[in-house]
Amino acid sequence: MKPTIGIVSSCGGHLSEIRALLPIYARYNYFYVVNDRIELPDDMKGRTYFIRHSERDWKLLLNFWEAWNILRRERPRLLLSTGAGPIVPFAFLAKLLGIRLIFIEIGNQVVHPSVTGRIMYYLSDRFYYQWKTLARFFPRGIYGGPLL
């Protein structure tokens, strides 16, 4: 049986970047988690969870509850994300459940890291950044070059 991968992302540029890796994760069972209702491309239909949009407010507590339910239902072996906010509650729970985590700092962060990147650097099993200028912020991270 193929392992399951959870793709956790905000909508917009974060989702566009993580979907650039579809040829890699398409060979596995996978599902998406996004934080806004959007029109879905065909490969996301029937395999996407919509969670509440939280901007570092009380809804973050709801995101933890949603993440707990999704992770317990899907039982992924790996979570993959480019951010932003939705990955944080998933990452904390992934650590508790023994789920591996790969985080890729979003490509528009060229000079300074994102808030999510700063958090995920410590929670991720593998951390990638897309611009060499971020190496000083992420000494244990891996430079991977731009996704798009």
N, C-alpha and C. Protein backbone atom coordinates (compact mmCIF):
# COMPACT_ATOMS: atom_id res chain seq x y z
N MET A 1 0.83 -1.18 0.00
CA MET A 1 0.00 0.00 0.00
C MET A 1 0.88 1.25 0.00
N LYS A 2 0.54 2.21 -0.83
CA LYS A 2 1.31 3.45 -0.92
C LYS A 2 1.08 4.31 0.31
N PRO A 3 2.13 4.99 0.78
CA PRO A 3 1.94 5.91 1.90
C PRO A 3 1.10 7.12 1.49
N THR A 4 0.50 7.75 2.48
CA THR A 4 -0.33 8.93 2.25
C THR A 4 0.44 10.18 2.63
N ILE A 5 0.31 11.20 1.79
CA ILE A 5 0.94 12.49 2.02
C ILE A 5 -0.16 13.54 2.17
N GLY A 6 -0.05 14.37 3.18
CA GLY A 6 -0.96 15.50 3.37
C GLY A 6 -0.30 16.77 2.87
N ILE A 7 -0.98 17.48 1.98
CA ILE A 7 -0.49 18.74 1.43
C ILE A 7 -1.27 19.85 2.13
N VAL A 8 -0.62 20.62 2.98
CA VAL A 8 -1.30 21.64 3.78
C VAL A 8 -0.84 23.01 3.30
N SER A 9 -1.80 23.87 2.93
CA SER A 9 -1.42 25.14 2.31
C SER A 9 -2.48 26.21 2.47
N SER A 10 -2.03 27.45 2.48
CA SER A 10 -2.93 28.56 2.26
C SER A 10 -3.25 28.59 0.77
N CYS A 11 -4.28 29.32 0.43
CA CYS A 11 -4.63 29.46 -0.98
C CYS A 11 -3.72 30.49 -1.65
N GLY A 12 -3.81 30.59 -2.95
CA GLY A 12 -3.01 31.58 -3.68
C GLY A 12 -1.63 31.07 -4.00
N GLY A 13 -0.62 31.93 -3.76
CA GLY A 13 0.76 31.61 -4.13
C GLY A 13 1.32 30.40 -3.41
N HIS A 14 0.95 30.21 -2.16
CA HIS A 14 1.42 29.04 -1.41
C HIS A 14 0.95 27.76 -2.10
N LEU A 15 -0.32 27.75 -2.47
CA LEU A 15 -0.89 26.57 -3.12
C LEU A 15 -0.28 26.36 -4.51
N SER A 16 -0.08 27.45 -5.23
CA SER A 16 0.55 27.34 -6.57
C SER A 16 1.93 26.72 -6.47
N GLU A 17 2.70 27.15 -5.48
CA GLU A 17 4.05 26.61 -5.34
C GLU A 17 4.06 25.14 -4.96
N ILE A 18 3.22 24.76 -4.01
CA ILE A 18 3.22 23.36 -3.59
C ILE A 18 2.69 22.46 -4.70
N ARG A 19 1.77 22.98 -5.51
CA ARG A 19 1.24 22.20 -6.63
C ARG A 19 2.29 22.02 -7.74
N ALA A 20 3.32 22.84 -7.75
CA ALA A 20 4.41 22.65 -8.71
C ALA A 20 5.12 21.31 -8.46
N LEU A 21 4.96 20.77 -7.25
CA LEU A 21 5.56 19.48 -6.91
C LEU A 21 4.63 18.30 -7.16
N LEU A 22 3.47 18.55 -7.75
CA LEU A 22 2.50 17.48 -8.02
C LEU A 22 3.10 16.29 -8.75
N PRO A 23 3.95 16.49 -9.76
CA PRO A 23 4.54 15.31 -10.42
C PRO A 23 5.31 14.40 -9.46
N ILE A 24 5.79 14.94 -8.35
CA ILE A 24 6.52 14.13 -7.38
C ILE A 24 5.56 13.40 -6.44
N TYR A 25 4.58 14.12 -5.88
CA TYR A 25 3.71 13.47 -4.90
C TYR A 25 2.51 12.77 -5.51
N ALA A 26 2.27 12.93 -6.81
CA ALA A 26 1.13 12.27 -7.46
C ALA A 26 1.24 10.75 -7.46
N ARG A 27 2.42 10.22 -7.29
CA ARG A 27 2.59 8.75 -7.30
C ARG A 27 2.20 8.11 -5.97
N TYR A 28 1.85 8.96 -4.99
CA TYR A 28 1.41 8.49 -3.67
C TYR A 28 -0.07 8.78 -3.48
N ASN A 29 -0.64 8.24 -2.42
CA ASN A 29 -1.97 8.69 -2.01
C ASN A 29 -1.76 10.06 -1.38
N TYR A 30 -2.60 11.01 -1.71
CA TYR A 30 -2.42 12.34 -1.14
C TYR A 30 -3.77 13.03 -0.97
N PHE A 31 -3.77 14.00 -0.08
CA PHE A 31 -4.93 14.84 0.14
C PHE A 31 -4.44 16.25 0.40
N TYR A 32 -5.33 17.21 0.20
CA TYR A 32 -5.02 18.62 0.43
C TYR A 32 -5.80 19.15 1.62
N VAL A 33 -5.24 20.14 2.27
CA VAL A 33 -5.93 20.94 3.28
C VAL A 33 -5.68 22.39 2.91
N VAL A 34 -6.75 23.15 2.70
CA VAL A 34 -6.62 24.58 2.40
C VAL A 34 -7.53 25.37 3.33
N ASN A 35 -7.21 26.64 3.49
CA ASN A 35 -7.91 27.44 4.48
C ASN A 35 -8.95 28.41 3.90
N ASP A 36 -9.36 28.22 2.69
CA ASP A 36 -10.43 29.01 2.09
C ASP A 36 -11.14 28.16 1.05
N ARG A 37 -12.41 28.45 0.85
CA ARG A 37 -13.15 27.78 -0.22
C ARG A 37 -12.69 28.37 -1.55
N ILE A 38 -12.21 27.52 -2.42
CA ILE A 38 -11.75 27.94 -3.74
C ILE A 38 -12.30 26.97 -4.77
N GLU A 39 -12.28 27.39 -6.02
CA GLU A 39 -12.62 26.47 -7.09
C GLU A 39 -11.43 25.53 -7.27
N LEU A 40 -11.73 24.25 -7.28
CA LEU A 40 -10.67 23.25 -7.28
C LEU A 40 -10.34 22.73 -8.67
N PRO A 41 -9.05 22.58 -8.97
CA PRO A 41 -8.65 21.87 -10.18
C PRO A 41 -9.06 20.40 -10.04
N ASP A 42 -9.13 19.70 -11.14
CA ASP A 42 -9.61 18.31 -11.13
C ASP A 42 -8.88 17.41 -10.15
N ASP A 43 -7.55 17.53 -10.06
CA ASP A 43 -6.81 16.62 -9.18
C ASP A 43 -7.05 16.89 -7.69
N MET A 44 -7.66 18.02 -7.36
CA MET A 44 -7.95 18.33 -5.96
C MET A 44 -9.38 17.95 -5.56
N LYS A 45 -10.23 17.71 -6.54
CA LYS A 45 -11.63 17.39 -6.25
C LYS A 45 -11.71 16.03 -5.57
N GLY A 46 -12.50 15.98 -4.49
CA GLY A 46 -12.69 14.74 -3.77
C GLY A 46 -11.56 14.37 -2.84
N ARG A 47 -10.54 15.20 -2.75
CA ARG A 47 -9.43 14.92 -1.86
C ARG A 47 -8.93 16.17 -1.15
N THR A 48 -9.85 17.14 -0.95
CA THR A 48 -9.48 18.40 -0.31
C THR A 48 -10.35 18.66 0.90
N TYR A 49 -9.71 19.02 1.99
CA TYR A 49 -10.39 19.46 3.20
C TYR A 49 -10.29 20.98 3.27
N PHE A 50 -11.39 21.61 3.61
CA PHE A 50 -11.40 23.06 3.81
C PHE A 50 -11.48 23.33 5.30
N ILE A 51 -10.53 24.09 5.81
CA ILE A 51 -10.55 24.47 7.22
C ILE A 51 -10.80 25.97 7.32
N ARG A 52 -11.09 26.42 8.54
CA ARG A 52 -11.36 27.84 8.76
C ARG A 52 -10.10 28.66 8.56
N HIS A 53 -10.29 29.85 8.04
CA HIS A 53 -9.18 30.77 7.83
C HIS A 53 -8.87 31.49 9.13
N SER A 54 -7.67 31.32 9.63
CA SER A 54 -7.24 31.95 10.88
C SER A 54 -6.10 32.90 10.58
N GLU A 55 -6.15 34.06 11.13
CA GLU A 55 -5.06 35.03 11.02
C GLU A 55 -4.49 35.29 12.41
N ARG A 56 -3.91 34.25 13.00
CA ARG A 56 -3.36 34.34 14.35
C ARG A 56 -4.38 34.87 15.34
N ASP A 57 -5.60 34.33 15.26
CA ASP A 57 -6.68 34.73 16.15
C ASP A 57 -7.25 33.48 16.83
N TRP A 58 -8.38 33.61 17.47
CA TRP A 58 -8.99 32.51 18.21
C TRP A 58 -9.35 31.32 17.32
N LYS A 59 -9.50 31.56 16.02
CA LYS A 59 -9.84 30.46 15.11
C LYS A 59 -8.70 29.45 15.00
N LEU A 60 -7.52 29.85 15.45
CA LEU A 60 -6.40 28.91 15.48
C LEU A 60 -6.75 27.69 16.33
N LEU A 61 -7.50 27.90 17.40
CA LEU A 61 -7.94 26.77 18.23
C LEU A 61 -8.84 25.83 17.43
N LEU A 62 -9.70 26.40 16.59
CA LEU A 62 -10.52 25.57 15.71
C LEU A 62 -9.65 24.81 14.72
N ASN A 63 -8.59 25.45 14.24
CA ASN A 63 -7.68 24.78 13.30
C ASN A 63 -7.01 23.57 13.95
N PHE A 64 -6.68 23.67 15.23
CA PHE A 64 -6.11 22.51 15.93
C PHE A 64 -7.11 21.36 15.96
N TRP A 65 -8.35 21.67 16.25
CA TRP A 65 -9.40 20.64 16.28
C TRP A 65 -9.60 20.03 14.88
N GLU A 66 -9.64 20.90 13.86
CA GLU A 66 -9.80 20.41 12.48
C GLU A 66 -8.60 19.54 12.09
N ALA A 67 -7.41 20.00 12.44
CA ALA A 67 -6.19 19.24 12.11
C ALA A 67 -6.20 17.88 12.80
N TRP A 68 -6.59 17.84 14.06
CA TRP A 68 -6.66 16.58 14.80
C TRP A 68 -7.58 15.60 14.08
N ASN A 69 -8.76 16.05 13.70
CA ASN A 69 -9.73 15.18 13.03
C ASN A 69 -9.23 14.70 11.67
N ILE A 70 -8.62 15.59 10.92
CA ILE A 70 -8.13 15.22 9.58
C ILE A 70 -6.96 14.24 9.70
N LEU A 71 -6.03 14.52 10.58
CA LEU A 71 -4.86 13.63 10.72
C LEU A 71 -5.25 12.26 11.24
N ARG A 72 -6.19 12.21 12.15
CA ARG A 72 -6.65 10.92 12.67
C ARG A 72 -7.41 10.14 11.60
N ARG A 73 -8.12 10.84 10.73
CA ARG A 73 -8.88 10.15 9.67
C ARG A 73 -7.97 9.66 8.55
N GLU A 74 -7.07 10.52 8.09
CA GLU A 74 -6.23 10.21 6.93
C GLU A 74 -4.97 9.41 7.28
N ARG A 75 -4.45 9.61 8.46
CA ARG A 75 -3.23 8.95 8.92
C ARG A 75 -2.07 9.03 7.91
N PRO A 76 -1.69 10.27 7.55
CA PRO A 76 -0.58 10.41 6.60
C PRO A 76 0.75 10.01 7.22
N ARG A 77 1.66 9.64 6.38
CA ARG A 77 3.02 9.36 6.85
C ARG A 77 3.87 10.63 6.79
N LEU A 78 3.43 11.60 5.94
CA LEU A 78 4.21 12.80 5.70
C LEU A 78 3.27 13.98 5.46
N LEU A 79 3.65 15.16 5.96
CA LEU A 79 2.99 16.41 5.62
C LEU A 79 3.98 17.24 4.81
N LEU A 80 3.47 17.92 3.80
CA LEU A 80 4.28 18.75 2.92
C LEU A 80 3.60 20.11 2.83
N SER A 81 4.38 21.20 2.95
CA SER A 81 3.77 22.52 2.93
C SER A 81 4.77 23.60 2.52
N THR A 82 4.21 24.67 1.94
CA THR A 82 4.94 25.92 1.70
C THR A 82 4.37 27.02 2.59
N GLY A 83 3.45 26.69 3.47
CA GLY A 83 2.85 27.67 4.38
C GLY A 83 1.46 28.04 3.91
N ALA A 84 0.86 28.98 4.42
CA ALA A 84 1.32 29.75 5.56
C ALA A 84 0.68 29.18 6.82
N GLY A 85 -0.15 29.98 7.48
CA GLY A 85 -0.70 29.65 8.78
C GLY A 85 -1.26 28.26 8.99
N PRO A 86 -1.99 27.66 8.05
CA PRO A 86 -2.62 26.36 8.33
C PRO A 86 -1.64 25.26 8.73
N ILE A 87 -0.41 25.34 8.31
CA ILE A 87 0.52 24.25 8.61
C ILE A 87 0.92 24.22 10.08
N VAL A 88 0.86 25.34 10.77
CA VAL A 88 1.36 25.39 12.15
C VAL A 88 0.61 24.42 13.08
N PRO A 89 -0.73 24.47 13.15
CA PRO A 89 -1.39 23.49 14.03
C PRO A 89 -1.18 22.05 13.55
N PHE A 90 -1.14 21.84 12.24
CA PHE A 90 -0.88 20.50 11.71
C PHE A 90 0.51 20.02 12.13
N ALA A 91 1.48 20.92 12.11
CA ALA A 91 2.85 20.54 12.46
C ALA A 91 2.97 20.14 13.93
N PHE A 92 2.36 20.90 14.82
CA PHE A 92 2.42 20.55 16.24
C PHE A 92 1.80 19.17 16.48
N LEU A 93 0.66 18.93 15.86
CA LEU A 93 0.01 17.64 16.04
C LEU A 93 0.77 16.51 15.34
N ALA A 94 1.36 16.81 14.21
CA ALA A 94 2.16 15.81 13.50
C ALA A 94 3.30 15.32 14.39
N LYS A 95 3.92 16.24 15.11
CA LYS A 95 5.00 15.86 16.03
C LYS A 95 4.49 14.88 17.09
N LEU A 96 3.31 15.15 17.62
CA LEU A 96 2.72 14.27 18.63
C LEU A 96 2.37 12.90 18.07
N LEU A 97 1.97 12.86 16.80
CA LEU A 97 1.51 11.62 16.18
C LEU A 97 2.61 10.88 15.42
N GLY A 98 3.82 11.42 15.41
CA GLY A 98 4.93 10.75 14.72
C GLY A 98 4.87 10.87 13.21
N ILE A 99 4.27 11.93 12.70
CA ILE A 99 4.16 12.16 11.25
C ILE A 99 5.33 13.05 10.83
N ARG A 100 6.03 12.66 9.80
CA ARG A 100 7.16 13.45 9.28
C ARG A 100 6.65 14.71 8.60
N LEU A 101 7.51 15.72 8.53
CA LEU A 101 7.10 17.01 7.98
C LEU A 101 8.20 17.63 7.14
N ILE A 102 7.84 18.01 5.91
CA ILE A 102 8.74 18.74 5.03
C ILE A 102 8.12 20.10 4.78
N PHE A 103 8.90 21.15 5.03
CA PHE A 103 8.43 22.51 4.81
C PHE A 103 9.36 23.20 3.82
N ILE A 104 8.76 23.94 2.88
CA ILE A 104 9.51 24.73 1.90
C ILE A 104 9.12 26.19 2.10
N GLU A 105 10.08 27.01 2.46
CA GLU A 105 9.80 28.44 2.64
C GLU A 105 9.32 29.01 1.31
N ILE A 106 8.26 29.78 1.36
CA ILE A 106 7.62 30.34 0.17
C ILE A 106 8.63 31.18 -0.63
N GLY A 107 8.51 31.13 -1.94
CA GLY A 107 9.47 31.76 -2.83
C GLY A 107 9.52 33.27 -2.79
N ASN A 108 8.44 33.92 -2.34
CA ASN A 108 8.50 35.38 -2.32
C ASN A 108 9.25 35.92 -1.11
N GLN A 109 9.72 35.05 -0.25
CA GLN A 109 10.57 35.45 0.88
C GLN A 109 12.01 35.36 0.39
N VAL A 110 12.53 36.48 -0.11
CA VAL A 110 13.85 36.49 -0.73
C VAL A 110 14.93 36.95 0.24
N VAL A 111 14.63 37.97 1.05
CA VAL A 111 15.63 38.56 1.93
C VAL A 111 15.42 38.18 3.39
N HIS A 112 14.16 38.11 3.82
CA HIS A 112 13.83 37.80 5.21
C HIS A 112 12.85 36.64 5.26
N PRO A 113 12.95 35.79 6.26
CA PRO A 113 12.02 34.65 6.37
C PRO A 113 10.63 35.08 6.79
N SER A 114 9.66 34.27 6.45
CA SER A 114 8.28 34.50 6.88
C SER A 114 8.14 34.10 8.34
N VAL A 115 7.08 34.56 8.98
CA VAL A 115 6.79 34.15 10.36
C VAL A 115 6.60 32.64 10.41
N THR A 116 5.84 32.12 9.43
CA THR A 116 5.61 30.68 9.40
C THR A 116 6.92 29.93 9.20
N GLY A 117 7.78 30.43 8.32
CA GLY A 117 9.08 29.80 8.11
C GLY A 117 9.92 29.74 9.36
N ARG A 118 9.87 30.81 10.14
CA ARG A 118 10.64 30.85 11.39
C ARG A 118 10.15 29.80 12.38
N ILE A 119 8.85 29.57 12.40
CA ILE A 119 8.27 28.55 13.29
C ILE A 119 8.57 27.15 12.75
N MET A 120 8.34 26.98 11.46
CA MET A 120 8.47 25.66 10.85
C MET A 120 9.91 25.17 10.79
N TYR A 121 10.85 26.07 10.83
CA TYR A 121 12.26 25.69 10.84
C TYR A 121 12.54 24.75 12.02
N TYR A 122 11.87 24.98 13.13
CA TYR A 122 12.09 24.18 14.33
C TYR A 122 11.18 22.96 14.41
N LEU A 123 10.09 22.96 13.66
CA LEU A 123 9.14 21.84 13.72
C LEU A 123 9.34 20.83 12.59
N SER A 124 9.97 21.24 11.50
CA SER A 124 10.10 20.38 10.33
C SER A 124 11.20 19.34 10.48
N ASP A 125 10.98 18.20 9.85
CA ASP A 125 12.04 17.20 9.75
C ASP A 125 13.02 17.57 8.65
N ARG A 126 12.51 18.18 7.60
CA ARG A 126 13.33 18.72 6.51
C ARG A 126 12.81 20.12 6.19
N PHE A 127 13.71 21.06 6.09
CA PHE A 127 13.34 22.46 5.82
C PHE A 127 14.12 22.92 4.59
N TYR A 128 13.41 23.41 3.60
CA TYR A 128 14.03 23.91 2.38
C TYR A 128 13.72 25.40 2.23
N TYR A 129 14.67 26.12 1.66
CA TYR A 129 14.43 27.52 1.31
C TYR A 129 14.80 27.69 -0.16
N GLN A 130 14.19 28.71 -0.80
CA GLN A 130 14.31 28.86 -2.25
C GLN A 130 15.33 29.91 -2.69
N TRP A 131 15.85 30.70 -1.75
CA TRP A 131 16.80 31.75 -2.10
C TRP A 131 18.02 31.64 -1.19
N LYS A 132 19.20 31.70 -1.78
CA LYS A 132 20.44 31.56 -1.02
C LYS A 132 20.58 32.64 0.06
N THR A 133 19.94 33.79 -0.14
CA THR A 133 20.02 34.88 0.83
C THR A 133 19.41 34.50 2.18
N LEU A 134 18.62 33.43 2.23
CA LEU A 134 18.00 33.00 3.48
C LEU A 134 18.88 32.01 4.27
N ALA A 135 20.01 31.63 3.72
CA ALA A 135 20.88 30.64 4.37
C ALA A 135 21.28 31.08 5.78
N ARG A 136 21.50 32.36 5.99
CA ARG A 136 21.94 32.83 7.32
C ARG A 136 20.85 32.66 8.37
N PHE A 137 19.58 32.63 7.94
CA PHE A 137 18.47 32.44 8.88
C PHE A 137 18.21 30.96 9.16
N PHE A 138 18.57 30.12 8.20
CA PHE A 138 18.25 28.69 8.28
C PHE A 138 19.51 27.85 8.08
N PRO A 139 20.46 27.90 9.00
CA PRO A 139 21.73 27.19 8.78
C PRO A 139 21.59 25.68 8.62
N ARG A 140 20.56 25.08 9.20
CA ARG A 140 20.35 23.63 9.04
C ARG A 140 19.40 23.34 7.87
N GLY A 141 18.90 24.39 7.24
CA GLY A 141 18.00 24.21 6.11
C GLY A 141 18.76 23.82 4.86
N ILE A 142 18.01 23.49 3.82
CA ILE A 142 18.60 23.04 2.56
C ILE A 142 18.16 23.99 1.46
N TYR A 143 19.12 24.54 0.75
CA TYR A 143 18.81 25.38 -0.40
C TYR A 143 18.34 24.49 -1.54
N GLY A 144 17.14 24.77 -2.07
CA GLY A 144 16.60 23.95 -3.14
C GLY A 144 16.35 24.70 -4.43
N GLY A 145 16.51 26.02 -4.44
CA GLY A 145 16.21 26.82 -5.62
C GLY A 145 14.72 27.05 -5.76
N PRO A 146 14.34 27.98 -6.64
CA PRO A 146 12.92 28.34 -6.80
C PRO A 146 12.05 27.20 -7.35
N LEU A 147 10.86 27.08 -6.81
CA LEU A 147 9.89 26.10 -7.32
C LEU A 147 9.25 26.58 -8.62
N LEU A 148 9.00 27.87 -8.70
CA LEU A 148 8.35 28.43 -9.90
C LEU A 148 9.28 29.39 -10.61
